[in-house]
């Protein structure tokens, strides 16, 4: 066996074992044939020193994700993971859409367009750039709202294209800020990484996956706005100095509440649907905990460092307290999907 074949076999380990057992020989033969140049010296060199190209590795990785995040007709474990990723992605994009909608309301309030609310304090007044391109750049984050609607309605490629508009400007702005004299903080970059992960995770919605139930997910948008941004918005409008939570803390509160509702609402059932939801909530809890722990470092230079760090630790404990039982139930349900 040549070194080139050994390297390609290591790449193929990304694929599920059952798939490799059936197709590995054919894939290796096709790959080696594609590397054959017809020149004995070149072929001998490639056999010893050649490596699978990045495009080939990306192709195998894409196939592995497709197989492990299965759609209709996939084996139960792959289908459960696929549904879990799709549900977690929907919830993540929904959260961004809710925040985008709330952001539009805040912008209108700061511009004095919501007359029935008290005028915002001077320190909360929004000043948009005068140039039209700068204004568009500033408002790009609101693209998460149409991206969510497109995803729910089954237009995955449109959703990704629109979400890209929301992702790119903040990333570029963050890079420019990091290159300047502004102090580096973790929270903005954690948000950017989360957005990029959501953008990539939309690829799990394919033609062979179940259609998103439109009515409940469309209804979830106004319900989410009423349950989260509206109370915070009113509190901020009436008490401008009030700072309830930073965004990682808010994420902890929302995820902990959702996990508690899931536990109380029948998570112990080991139906395929319940297992997928438990896995999805476990993914969200893990991402939320990692983000909250990573962003605690931003408190180090603040006056209320000890208080804020304590609050952050309580948020971590709250998510873990309900997240661990959900993860245990998900693992048990996943084991039950193993073929006998």
C-alpha atoms as a PDB file:
ATOM      1  CA  UNK A   1       0.000   0.000   0.000  1.00  0.00           C
ATOM      2  CA  UNK A   2       1.434   3.383  -1.006  1.00  0.00           C
ATOM      3  CA  UNK A   3       1.712   6.373   1.304  1.00  0.00           C
ATOM      4  CA  UNK A   4      -0.791   8.214  -0.865  1.00  0.00           C
ATOM      5  CA  UNK A   5      -3.376   5.479  -0.357  1.00  0.00           C
ATOM      6  CA  UNK A   6      -2.710   5.465   3.397  1.00  0.00           C
ATOM      7  CA  UNK A   7      -3.301   9.199   3.567  1.00  0.00           C
ATOM      8  CA  UNK A   8      -6.538   8.911   1.618  1.00  0.00           C
ATOM      9  CA  UNK A   9      -7.743   6.098   3.881  1.00  0.00           C
ATOM     10  CA  UNK A  10      -7.163   8.356   6.888  1.00  0.00           C
ATOM     11  CA  UNK A  11      -9.384  10.969   5.258  1.00  0.00           C
ATOM     12  CA  UNK A  12     -12.066   8.334   4.648  1.00  0.00           C
ATOM     13  CA  UNK A  13     -12.224   7.672   8.392  1.00  0.00           C
ATOM     14  CA  UNK A  14     -14.446  10.744   8.534  1.00  0.00           C
ATOM     15  CA  UNK A  15     -17.196   8.627   6.952  1.00  0.00           C
ATOM     16  CA  UNK A  16     -19.473   6.344   8.987  1.00  0.00           C
ATOM     17  CA  UNK A  17     -18.078   2.835   9.419  1.00  0.00           C
ATOM     18  CA  UNK A  18     -20.994   1.148   7.657  1.00  0.00           C
ATOM     19  CA  UNK A  19     -20.593   3.376   4.611  1.00  0.00           C
ATOM     20  CA  UNK A  20     -16.828   2.770   4.494  1.00  0.00           C
ATOM     21  CA  UNK A  21     -17.333  -0.960   4.670  1.00  0.00           C
ATOM     22  CA  UNK A  22     -19.533  -0.851   1.587  1.00  0.00           C
ATOM     23  CA  UNK A  23     -17.854   1.811  -0.534  1.00  0.00           C
ATOM     24  CA  UNK A  24     -14.272   2.260   0.654  1.00  0.00           C
ATOM     25  CA  UNK A  25     -12.615   0.017  -1.947  1.00  0.00           C
ATOM     26  CA  UNK A  26     -14.418   1.708  -4.834  1.00  0.00           C
ATOM     27  CA  UNK A  27     -13.634   5.199  -3.513  1.00  0.00           C
ATOM     28  CA  UNK A  28      -9.939   4.361  -3.077  1.00  0.00           C
ATOM     29  CA  UNK A  29      -9.735   2.868  -6.570  1.00  0.00           C
ATOM     30  CA  UNK A  30     -11.422   5.911  -8.116  1.00  0.00           C
ATOM     31  CA  UNK A  31      -9.140   8.290  -6.207  1.00  0.00           C
ATOM     32  CA  UNK A  32      -5.938   6.496  -7.174  1.00  0.00           C
ATOM     33  CA  UNK A  33      -7.062   6.398 -10.780  1.00  0.00           C
ATOM     34  CA  UNK A  34      -7.711  10.155 -10.711  1.00  0.00           C
ATOM     35  CA  UNK A  35      -4.141  10.682  -9.438  1.00  0.00           C
ATOM     36  CA  UNK A  36      -2.621   8.644 -12.254  1.00  0.00           C
ATOM     37  CA  UNK A  37      -0.756  10.976 -14.652  1.00  0.00           C
ATOM     38  CA  UNK A  38       0.566   8.354 -17.077  1.00  0.00           C
ATOM     39  CA  UNK A  39       4.159   9.305 -16.339  1.00  0.00           C
ATOM     40  CA  UNK A  40       5.870   6.518 -14.311  1.00  0.00           C
ATOM     41  CA  UNK A  41       8.263   8.861 -12.506  1.00  0.00           C
ATOM     42  CA  UNK A  42       5.548  11.325 -11.561  1.00  0.00           C
ATOM     43  CA  UNK A  43       3.218   8.529 -10.461  1.00  0.00           C
ATOM     44  CA  UNK A  44       5.974   7.013  -8.315  1.00  0.00           C
ATOM     45  CA  UNK A  45       6.652  10.376  -6.708  1.00  0.00           C
ATOM     46  CA  UNK A  46       2.953  10.962  -5.991  1.00  0.00           C
ATOM     47  CA  UNK A  47       2.638   7.466  -4.528  1.00  0.00           C
ATOM     48  CA  UNK A  48       5.303   8.338  -1.939  1.00  0.00           C
ATOM     49  CA  UNK A  49       4.785  12.051  -1.402  1.00  0.00           C
ATOM     50  CA  UNK A  50       1.355  12.901  -2.759  1.00  0.00           C
ATOM     51  CA  UNK A  51      -1.613  13.915  -0.611  1.00  0.00           C
ATOM     52  CA  UNK A  52      -5.335  14.222  -1.238  1.00  0.00           C
ATOM     53  CA  UNK A  53      -6.121  17.728  -2.455  1.00  0.00           C
ATOM     54  CA  UNK A  54      -8.070  20.171  -0.314  1.00  0.00           C
ATOM     55  CA  UNK A  55     -11.014  19.862  -2.693  1.00  0.00           C
ATOM     56  CA  UNK A  56     -10.976  16.074  -2.260  1.00  0.00           C
ATOM     57  CA  UNK A  57     -10.833  16.375   1.528  1.00  0.00           C
ATOM     58  CA  UNK A  58     -13.667  18.930   1.428  1.00  0.00           C
ATOM     59  CA  UNK A  59     -15.710  16.556  -0.734  1.00  0.00           C
ATOM     60  CA  UNK A  60     -15.251  13.691   1.735  1.00  0.00           C
ATOM     61  CA  UNK A  61     -16.044  15.995   4.672  1.00  0.00           C
ATOM     62  CA  UNK A  62     -19.219  17.175   2.946  1.00  0.00           C
ATOM     63  CA  UNK A  63     -20.258  13.571   2.316  1.00  0.00           C
ATOM     64  CA  UNK A  64     -19.517  12.660   5.937  1.00  0.00           C
ATOM     65  CA  UNK A  65     -21.684  15.497   7.246  1.00  0.00           C
ATOM     66  CA  UNK A  66     -24.442  14.569   4.837  1.00  0.00           C
ATOM     67  CA  UNK A  67     -24.394  10.949   6.011  1.00  0.00           C
ATOM     68  CA  UNK A  68     -24.109  11.759   9.711  1.00  0.00           C
ATOM     69  CA  UNK A  69     -26.830  14.426   9.570  1.00  0.00           C
ATOM     70  CA  UNK A  70     -29.291  12.219   7.759  1.00  0.00           C
ATOM     71  CA  UNK A  71     -32.580  13.094   6.170  1.00  0.00           C
ATOM     72  CA  UNK A  72     -35.600  11.004   5.256  1.00  0.00           C
ATOM     73  CA  UNK A  73     -34.659   7.335   4.918  1.00  0.00           C
ATOM     74  CA  UNK A  74     -31.418   7.616   6.890  1.00  0.00           C
ATOM     75  CA  UNK A  75     -30.624   5.243   9.725  1.00  0.00           C
ATOM     76  CA  UNK A  76     -32.229   6.336  13.035  1.00  0.00           C
ATOM     77  CA  UNK A  77     -29.099   7.696  14.720  1.00  0.00           C
ATOM     78  CA  UNK A  78     -28.068   9.811  11.725  1.00  0.00           C
ATOM     79  CA  UNK A  79     -31.628  11.067  11.313  1.00  0.00           C
ATOM     80  CA  UNK A  80     -31.823  12.040  15.005  1.00  0.00           C
ATOM     81  CA  UNK A  81     -28.566  14.008  14.758  1.00  0.00           C
ATOM     82  CA  UNK A  82     -29.657  15.619  11.520  1.00  0.00           C
ATOM     83  CA  UNK A  83     -32.949  16.743  13.008  1.00  0.00           C
ATOM     84  CA  UNK A  84     -31.161  17.973  16.131  1.00  0.00           C
ATOM     85  CA  UNK A  85     -28.794  20.161  14.107  1.00  0.00           C
ATOM     86  CA  UNK A  86     -31.674  21.504  12.012  1.00  0.00           C
ATOM     87  CA  UNK A  87     -33.755  22.288  15.102  1.00  0.00           C
ATOM     88  CA  UNK A  88     -30.814  23.958  16.872  1.00  0.00           C
ATOM     89  CA  UNK A  89     -30.110  25.990  13.732  1.00  0.00           C
ATOM     90  CA  UNK A  90     -33.728  27.099  13.481  1.00  0.00           C
ATOM     91  CA  UNK A  91     -33.710  28.172  17.123  1.00  0.00           C
ATOM     92  CA  UNK A  92     -30.432  30.032  16.699  1.00  0.00           C
ATOM     93  CA  UNK A  93     -31.583  31.864  13.574  1.00  0.00           C
ATOM     94  CA  UNK A  94     -34.916  32.569  15.303  1.00  0.00           C
ATOM     95  CA  UNK A  95     -33.030  34.204  18.192  1.00  0.00           C
ATOM     96  CA  UNK A  96     -31.151  36.417  15.729  1.00  0.00           C
ATOM     97  CA  UNK A  97     -34.392  37.277  13.936  1.00  0.00           C
ATOM     98  CA  UNK A  98     -36.039  38.208  17.245  1.00  0.00           C
ATOM     99  CA  UNK A  99     -33.088  40.420  18.166  1.00  0.00           C
ATOM    100  CA  UNK A 100     -33.119  41.986  14.695  1.00  0.00           C
ATOM    101  CA  UNK A 101     -36.801  42.811  15.031  1.00  0.00           C
ATOM    102  CA  UNK A 102     -36.190  44.245  18.487  1.00  0.00           C
ATOM    103  CA  UNK A 103     -33.275  46.225  17.064  1.00  0.00           C
ATOM    104  CA  UNK A 104     -35.564  47.798  14.485  1.00  0.00           C
ATOM    105  CA  UNK A 105     -37.967  48.813  17.276  1.00  0.00           C
ATOM    106  CA  UNK A 106     -35.124  50.280  19.335  1.00  0.00           C
ATOM    107  CA  UNK A 107     -33.879  52.209  16.294  1.00  0.00           C
ATOM    108  CA  UNK A 108     -37.346  53.672  15.721  1.00  0.00           C
ATOM    109  CA  UNK A 109     -37.609  54.590  19.413  1.00  0.00           C
ATOM    110  CA  UNK A 110     -34.210  56.279  19.418  1.00  0.00           C
ATOM    111  CA  UNK A 111     -35.208  58.157  16.258  1.00  0.00           C
ATOM    112  CA  UNK A 112     -38.324  59.444  18.058  1.00  0.00           C
ATOM    113  CA  UNK A 113     -40.744  57.499  15.846  1.00  0.00           C
ATOM    114  CA  UNK A 114     -42.535  55.766  18.775  1.00  0.00           C
ATOM    115  CA  UNK A 115     -44.322  58.726  20.322  1.00  0.00           C
ATOM    116  CA  UNK A 116     -46.054  56.860  23.150  1.00  0.00           C
ATOM    117  CA  UNK A 117     -42.721  55.929  24.772  1.00  0.00           C
ATOM    118  CA  UNK A 118     -40.600  58.384  26.773  1.00  0.00           C
ATOM    119  CA  UNK A 119     -37.764  59.936  24.826  1.00  0.00           C
ATOM    120  CA  UNK A 120     -34.486  58.000  25.189  1.00  0.00           C
ATOM    121  CA  UNK A 121     -31.755  59.361  27.376  1.00  0.00           C
ATOM    122  CA  UNK A 122     -29.071  61.347  25.516  1.00  0.00           C
ATOM    123  CA  UNK A 123     -26.502  58.564  26.020  1.00  0.00           C
ATOM    124  CA  UNK A 124     -28.840  56.114  24.277  1.00  0.00           C
ATOM    125  CA  UNK A 125     -29.467  58.269  21.220  1.00  0.00           C
ATOM    126  CA  UNK A 126     -28.563  56.538  17.978  1.00  0.00           C
ATOM    127  CA  UNK A 127     -26.430  58.381  15.473  1.00  0.00           C
ATOM    128  CA  UNK A 128     -26.253  56.748  12.073  1.00  0.00           C
ATOM    129  CA  UNK A 129     -23.447  57.547   9.649  1.00  0.00           C
ATOM    130  CA  UNK A 130     -24.252  60.226   7.116  1.00  0.00           C
ATOM    131  CA  UNK A 131     -23.051  58.225   4.105  1.00  0.00           C
ATOM    132  CA  UNK A 132     -25.689  55.912   2.657  1.00  0.00           C
ATOM    133  CA  UNK A 133     -23.233  53.020   2.306  1.00  0.00           C
ATOM    134  CA  UNK A 134     -22.261  53.355   5.977  1.00  0.00           C
ATOM    135  CA  UNK A 135     -25.904  53.326   7.006  1.00  0.00           C
ATOM    136  CA  UNK A 136     -26.519  50.176   4.961  1.00  0.00           C
ATOM    137  CA  UNK A 137     -23.421  48.610   6.551  1.00  0.00           C
ATOM    138  CA  UNK A 138     -24.720  49.470  10.015  1.00  0.00           C
ATOM    139  CA  UNK A 139     -28.155  47.981   9.298  1.00  0.00           C
ATOM    140  CA  UNK A 140     -26.857  44.745   7.748  1.00  0.00           C
ATOM    141  CA  UNK A 141     -27.501  42.760  10.942  1.00  0.00           C
ATOM    142  CA  UNK A 142     -31.236  43.154  10.451  1.00  0.00           C
ATOM    143  CA  UNK A 143     -30.953  40.751   7.503  1.00  0.00           C
ATOM    144  CA  UNK A 144     -31.378  37.879   9.977  1.00  0.00           C
ATOM    145  CA  UNK A 145     -35.136  38.509   9.921  1.00  0.00           C
ATOM    146  CA  UNK A 146     -35.664  37.779   6.189  1.00  0.00           C
ATOM    147  CA  UNK A 147     -33.059  34.997   6.437  1.00  0.00           C
ATOM    148  CA  UNK A 148     -35.163  33.273   9.103  1.00  0.00           C
ATOM    149  CA  UNK A 149     -38.350  33.653   7.084  1.00  0.00           C
ATOM    150  CA  UNK A 150     -36.636  32.242   3.986  1.00  0.00           C
ATOM    151  CA  UNK A 151     -35.329  29.249   5.956  1.00  0.00           C
ATOM    152  CA  UNK A 152     -38.737  28.451   7.436  1.00  0.00           C
ATOM    153  CA  UNK A 153     -40.380  28.748   4.019  1.00  0.00           C
ATOM    154  CA  UNK A 154     -37.939  26.223   2.568  1.00  0.00           C
ATOM    155  CA  UNK A 155     -35.597  28.499   0.622  1.00  0.00           C
ATOM    156  CA  UNK A 156     -32.302  27.440   2.192  1.00  0.00           C
ATOM    157  CA  UNK A 157     -29.975  28.966  -0.403  1.00  0.00           C
ATOM    158  CA  UNK A 158     -31.809  32.284  -0.231  1.00  0.00           C
ATOM    159  CA  UNK A 159     -31.598  32.161   3.578  1.00  0.00           C
ATOM    160  CA  UNK A 160     -27.840  31.567   3.431  1.00  0.00           C
ATOM    161  CA  UNK A 161     -27.319  34.363   0.921  1.00  0.00           C
ATOM    162  CA  UNK A 162     -29.291  36.836   3.046  1.00  0.00           C
ATOM    163  CA  UNK A 163     -27.605  35.663   6.250  1.00  0.00           C
ATOM    164  CA  UNK A 164     -24.247  36.257   4.595  1.00  0.00           C
ATOM    165  CA  UNK A 165     -25.225  39.927   4.322  1.00  0.00           C
ATOM    166  CA  UNK A 166     -25.756  39.954   8.082  1.00  0.00           C
ATOM    167  CA  UNK A 167     -22.509  38.124   8.868  1.00  0.00           C
ATOM    168  CA  UNK A 168     -19.858  39.763   6.687  1.00  0.00           C
ATOM    169  CA  UNK A 169     -20.053  43.480   7.719  1.00  0.00           C
ATOM    170  CA  UNK A 170     -19.720  42.844  11.483  1.00  0.00           C
ATOM    171  CA  UNK A 171     -16.777  40.509  10.883  1.00  0.00           C
ATOM    172  CA  UNK A 172     -14.966  43.123   8.774  1.00  0.00           C
ATOM    173  CA  UNK A 173     -15.783  45.839  11.302  1.00  0.00           C
ATOM    174  CA  UNK A 174     -14.442  43.636  14.091  1.00  0.00           C
ATOM    175  CA  UNK A 175     -11.207  43.004  12.232  1.00  0.00           C
ATOM    176  CA  UNK A 176     -10.740  46.748  11.655  1.00  0.00           C
ATOM    177  CA  UNK A 177     -11.459  47.471  15.331  1.00  0.00           C
ATOM    178  CA  UNK A 178      -9.016  44.771  16.457  1.00  0.00           C
ATOM    179  CA  UNK A 179      -6.319  46.336  14.298  1.00  0.00           C
ATOM    180  CA  UNK A 180      -6.870  49.691  15.998  1.00  0.00           C
ATOM    181  CA  UNK A 181      -6.422  50.876  19.540  1.00  0.00           C
ATOM    182  CA  UNK A 182      -9.760  49.625  20.870  1.00  0.00           C
ATOM    183  CA  UNK A 183      -9.441  47.112  23.742  1.00  0.00           C
ATOM    184  CA  UNK A 184     -10.077  43.560  22.591  1.00  0.00           C
ATOM    185  CA  UNK A 185     -13.222  41.975  24.024  1.00  0.00           C
ATOM    186  CA  UNK A 186     -14.435  38.395  23.629  1.00  0.00           C
ATOM    187  CA  UNK A 187     -18.207  38.958  23.402  1.00  0.00           C
ATOM    188  CA  UNK A 188     -18.341  40.513  19.900  1.00  0.00           C
ATOM    189  CA  UNK A 189     -16.158  37.770  18.465  1.00  0.00           C
ATOM    190  CA  UNK A 190     -18.196  35.085  20.217  1.00  0.00           C
ATOM    191  CA  UNK A 191     -21.270  36.511  18.503  1.00  0.00           C
ATOM    192  CA  UNK A 192     -19.493  36.545  15.132  1.00  0.00           C
ATOM    193  CA  UNK A 193     -18.406  32.905  15.524  1.00  0.00           C
ATOM    194  CA  UNK A 194     -21.955  31.923  16.473  1.00  0.00           C
ATOM    195  CA  UNK A 195     -23.317  33.674  13.378  1.00  0.00           C
ATOM    196  CA  UNK A 196     -20.809  31.923  11.109  1.00  0.00           C
ATOM    197  CA  UNK A 197     -21.692  28.535  12.620  1.00  0.00           C
ATOM    198  CA  UNK A 198     -25.392  29.222  12.011  1.00  0.00           C
ATOM    199  CA  UNK A 199     -24.650  30.206   8.423  1.00  0.00           C
ATOM    200  CA  UNK A 200     -22.782  26.951   7.803  1.00  0.00           C
ATOM    201  CA  UNK A 201     -25.334  24.854   9.694  1.00  0.00           C
ATOM    202  CA  UNK A 202     -28.067  25.946   7.292  1.00  0.00           C
ATOM    203  CA  UNK A 203     -26.519  23.456   4.857  1.00  0.00           C
ATOM    204  CA  UNK A 204     -28.172  20.702   6.910  1.00  0.00           C
ATOM    205  CA  UNK A 205     -31.480  21.712   5.279  1.00  0.00           C
ATOM    206  CA  UNK A 206     -31.487  19.702   2.052  1.00  0.00           C
ATOM    207  CA  UNK A 207     -33.961  18.311  -0.426  1.00  0.00           C
ATOM    208  CA  UNK A 208     -33.981  14.950   1.391  1.00  0.00           C
ATOM    209  CA  UNK A 209     -34.782  16.467   4.798  1.00  0.00           C
ATOM    210  CA  UNK A 210     -38.267  16.979   6.225  1.00  0.00           C
ATOM    211  CA  UNK A 211     -39.890  20.310   5.450  1.00  0.00           C
ATOM    212  CA  UNK A 212     -39.953  22.819   8.305  1.00  0.00           C
ATOM    213  CA  UNK A 213     -43.460  23.037   9.845  1.00  0.00           C
ATOM    214  CA  UNK A 214     -44.260  26.584   8.809  1.00  0.00           C
ATOM    215  CA  UNK A 215     -47.067  27.596  11.148  1.00  0.00           C
ATOM    216  CA  UNK A 216     -45.368  26.917  14.523  1.00  0.00           C
ATOM    217  CA  UNK A 217     -42.032  28.378  13.439  1.00  0.00           C
ATOM    218  CA  UNK A 218     -43.638  31.487  11.951  1.00  0.00           C
ATOM    219  CA  UNK A 219     -45.695  31.886  15.122  1.00  0.00           C
ATOM    220  CA  UNK A 220     -42.527  31.492  17.195  1.00  0.00           C
ATOM    221  CA  UNK A 221     -41.245  34.835  15.881  1.00  0.00           C
ATOM    222  CA  UNK A 222     -43.924  37.112  17.414  1.00  0.00           C
ATOM    223  CA  UNK A 223     -44.091  34.924  20.521  1.00  0.00           C
ATOM    224  CA  UNK A 224     -40.335  35.235  20.982  1.00  0.00           C
ATOM    225  CA  UNK A 225     -40.556  39.010  20.566  1.00  0.00           C
ATOM    226  CA  UNK A 226     -43.286  39.265  23.192  1.00  0.00           C
ATOM    227  CA  UNK A 227     -41.476  37.034  25.681  1.00  0.00           C
ATOM    228  CA  UNK A 228     -37.955  38.462  25.484  1.00  0.00           C
ATOM    229  CA  UNK A 229     -37.242  41.797  23.746  1.00  0.00           C
ATOM    230  CA  UNK A 230     -40.495  43.558  24.620  1.00  0.00           C
ATOM    231  CA  UNK A 231     -40.079  43.299  28.434  1.00  0.00           C
ATOM    232  CA  UNK A 232     -36.408  44.275  28.192  1.00  0.00           C
ATOM    233  CA  UNK A 233     -37.213  47.094  25.781  1.00  0.00           C
ATOM    234  CA  UNK A 234     -39.908  48.540  28.049  1.00  0.00           C
ATOM    235  CA  UNK A 235     -37.619  48.273  31.083  1.00  0.00           C
ATOM    236  CA  UNK A 236     -34.842  50.065  29.227  1.00  0.00           C
ATOM    237  CA  UNK A 237     -37.243  52.721  27.950  1.00  0.00           C
ATOM    238  CA  UNK A 238     -38.648  53.470  31.395  1.00  0.00           C
ATOM    239  CA  UNK A 239     -35.398  53.060  33.334  1.00  0.00           C
ATOM    240  CA  UNK A 240     -32.516  53.946  30.996  1.00  0.00           C
ATOM    241  CA  UNK A 241     -29.817  53.269  33.581  1.00  0.00           C
ATOM    242  CA  UNK A 242     -31.058  49.722  34.139  1.00  0.00           C
ATOM    243  CA  UNK A 243     -28.681  47.061  32.821  1.00  0.00           C
ATOM    244  CA  UNK A 244     -30.293  43.660  33.275  1.00  0.00           C
ATOM    245  CA  UNK A 245     -28.050  41.288  31.334  1.00  0.00           C
ATOM    246  CA  UNK A 246     -25.402  41.319  28.673  1.00  0.00           C
ATOM    247  CA  UNK A 247     -26.202  39.197  25.637  1.00  0.00           C
ATOM    248  CA  UNK A 248     -24.422  36.003  26.842  1.00  0.00           C
ATOM    249  CA  UNK A 249     -26.290  36.325  30.121  1.00  0.00           C
ATOM    250  CA  UNK A 250     -29.569  36.830  28.284  1.00  0.00           C
ATOM    251  CA  UNK A 251     -28.793  33.738  26.204  1.00  0.00           C
ATOM    252  CA  UNK A 252     -28.207  31.761  29.416  1.00  0.00           C
ATOM    253  CA  UNK A 253     -31.535  32.893  30.848  1.00  0.00           C
ATOM    254  CA  UNK A 254     -33.500  32.054  27.700  1.00  0.00           C
ATOM    255  CA  UNK A 255     -31.799  28.688  27.127  1.00  0.00           C
ATOM    256  CA  UNK A 256     -32.195  27.665  30.782  1.00  0.00           C
ATOM    257  CA  UNK A 257     -35.901  28.500  30.632  1.00  0.00           C
ATOM    258  CA  UNK A 258     -36.311  26.579  27.356  1.00  0.00           C
ATOM    259  CA  UNK A 259     -34.503  23.552  28.804  1.00  0.00           C
ATOM    260  CA  UNK A 260     -36.731  23.604  31.891  1.00  0.00           C
ATOM    261  CA  UNK A 261     -39.858  23.737  29.730  1.00  0.00           C
ATOM    262  CA  UNK A 262     -38.515  20.867  27.629  1.00  0.00           C
ATOM    263  CA  UNK A 263     -37.869  18.753  30.726  1.00  0.00           C
ATOM    264  CA  UNK A 264     -41.337  19.474  32.071  1.00  0.00           C
ATOM    265  CA  UNK A 265     -43.006  18.882  28.719  1.00  0.00           C
ATOM    266  CA  UNK A 266     -42.174  15.265  28.051  1.00  0.00           C
ATOM    267  CA  UNK A 267     -38.452  15.050  27.375  1.00  0.00           C
ATOM    268  CA  UNK A 268     -38.385  11.673  29.146  1.00  0.00           C
ATOM    269  CA  UNK A 269     -40.257  10.117  26.235  1.00  0.00           C
ATOM    270  CA  UNK A 270     -37.819   8.343  23.943  1.00  0.00           C
ATOM    271  CA  UNK A 271     -39.703   8.935  20.741  1.00  0.00           C
ATOM    272  CA  UNK A 272     -37.543   9.989  17.757  1.00  0.00           C
ATOM    273  CA  UNK A 273     -39.006  13.493  17.941  1.00  0.00           C
ATOM    274  CA  UNK A 274     -38.254  13.844  21.673  1.00  0.00           C
ATOM    275  CA  UNK A 275     -34.702  12.548  21.183  1.00  0.00           C
ATOM    276  CA  UNK A 276     -34.043  15.074  18.405  1.00  0.00           C
ATOM    277  CA  UNK A 277     -35.330  17.937  20.524  1.00  0.00           C
ATOM    278  CA  UNK A 278     -33.249  16.808  23.517  1.00  0.00           C
ATOM    279  CA  UNK A 279     -30.149  16.646  21.306  1.00  0.00           C
ATOM    280  CA  UNK A 280     -30.931  20.080  19.861  1.00  0.00           C
ATOM    281  CA  UNK A 281     -31.300  21.620  23.314  1.00  0.00           C
ATOM    282  CA  UNK A 282     -28.078  19.909  24.401  1.00  0.00           C
ATOM    283  CA  UNK A 283     -26.252  21.521  21.475  1.00  0.00           C
ATOM    284  CA  UNK A 284     -27.689  24.929  22.383  1.00  0.00           C
ATOM    285  CA  UNK A 285     -26.802  24.483  26.057  1.00  0.00           C
ATOM    286  CA  UNK A 286     -23.217  23.535  25.189  1.00  0.00           C
ATOM    287  CA  UNK A 287     -22.775  26.515  22.866  1.00  0.00           C
ATOM    288  CA  UNK A 288     -24.318  28.854  25.454  1.00  0.00           C
ATOM    289  CA  UNK A 289     -22.081  27.587  28.265  1.00  0.00           C
ATOM    290  CA  UNK A 290     -18.920  27.879  26.168  1.00  0.00           C
ATOM    291  CA  UNK A 291     -19.880  31.429  25.156  1.00  0.00           C
ATOM    292  CA  UNK A 292     -20.751  32.507  28.701  1.00  0.00           C
ATOM    293  CA  UNK A 293     -17.550  31.092  30.194  1.00  0.00           C
ATOM    294  CA  UNK A 294     -15.386  32.600  27.438  1.00  0.00           C
ATOM    295  CA  UNK A 295     -16.943  36.063  27.788  1.00  0.00           C
ATOM    296  CA  UNK A 296     -16.457  36.248  31.566  1.00  0.00           C
ATOM    297  CA  UNK A 297     -12.981  37.555  30.817  1.00  0.00           C
ATOM    298  CA  UNK A 298     -14.570  40.785  29.533  1.00  0.00           C
ATOM    299  CA  UNK A 299     -15.462  41.688  33.128  1.00  0.00           C
ATOM    300  CA  UNK A 300     -11.842  41.819  34.309  1.00  0.00           C
ATOM    301  CA  UNK A 301     -11.430  45.597  33.882  1.00  0.00           C
ATOM    302  CA  UNK A 302     -14.908  46.651  34.954  1.00  0.00           C
ATOM    303  CA  UNK A 303     -15.631  48.372  38.259  1.00  0.00           C
ATOM    304  CA  UNK A 304     -18.142  45.737  39.368  1.00  0.00           C
ATOM    305  CA  UNK A 305     -15.855  42.883  38.351  1.00  0.00           C
ATOM    306  CA  UNK A 306     -16.638  40.631  41.337  1.00  0.00           C
ATOM    307  CA  UNK A 307     -20.411  41.142  41.112  1.00  0.00           C
ATOM    308  CA  UNK A 308     -20.585  40.597  37.382  1.00  0.00           C
ATOM    309  CA  UNK A 309     -18.387  37.498  37.558  1.00  0.00           C
ATOM    310  CA  UNK A 310     -20.583  36.078  40.316  1.00  0.00           C
ATOM    311  CA  UNK A 311     -23.704  36.690  38.237  1.00  0.00           C
ATOM    312  CA  UNK A 312     -22.005  35.024  35.274  1.00  0.00           C
ATOM    313  CA  UNK A 313     -21.111  31.994  37.397  1.00  0.00           C
ATOM    314  CA  UNK A 314     -24.738  31.731  38.528  1.00  0.00           C
ATOM    315  CA  UNK A 315     -25.832  31.816  34.878  1.00  0.00           C
ATOM    316  CA  UNK A 316     -23.431  28.981  34.062  1.00  0.00           C
ATOM    317  CA  UNK A 317     -24.722  26.910  36.976  1.00  0.00           C
ATOM    318  CA  UNK A 318     -28.347  27.542  35.957  1.00  0.00           C
ATOM    319  CA  UNK A 319     -27.792  26.329  32.389  1.00  0.00           C
ATOM    320  CA  UNK A 320     -25.768  23.319  33.540  1.00  0.00           C
ATOM    321  CA  UNK A 321     -28.374  22.373  36.155  1.00  0.00           C
ATOM    322  CA  UNK A 322     -31.044  21.836  33.506  1.00  0.00           C
ATOM    323  CA  UNK A 323     -28.700  21.097  30.599  1.00  0.00           C
ATOM    324  CA  UNK A 324     -27.060  18.025  32.121  1.00  0.00           C
ATOM    325  CA  UNK A 325     -30.361  16.141  32.679  1.00  0.00           C
ATOM    326  CA  UNK A 326     -31.435  16.958  29.120  1.00  0.00           C
ATOM    327  CA  UNK A 327     -28.093  15.727  27.773  1.00  0.00           C
ATOM    328  CA  UNK A 328     -28.417  12.496  29.766  1.00  0.00           C
ATOM    329  CA  UNK A 329     -31.913  11.908  28.377  1.00  0.00           C
ATOM    330  CA  UNK A 330     -30.653  12.647  24.876  1.00  0.00           C
ATOM    331  CA  UNK A 331     -27.795  10.153  25.243  1.00  0.00           C
ATOM    332  CA  UNK A 332     -30.143   7.444  26.527  1.00  0.00           C
ATOM    333  CA  UNK A 333     -32.584   8.072  23.717  1.00  0.00           C
ATOM    334  CA  UNK A 334     -29.767   8.030  21.172  1.00  0.00           C
ATOM    335  CA  UNK A 335     -28.521   4.676  22.451  1.00  0.00           C
ATOM    336  CA  UNK A 336     -32.041   3.321  22.046  1.00  0.00           C
ATOM    337  CA  UNK A 337     -31.876   4.123  18.324  1.00  0.00           C
ATOM    338  CA  UNK A 338     -28.962   1.720  17.782  1.00  0.00           C
ATOM    339  CA  UNK A 339     -29.893  -1.121  15.454  1.00  0.00           C
ATOM    340  CA  UNK A 340     -30.201  -4.424  17.242  1.00  0.00           C
END
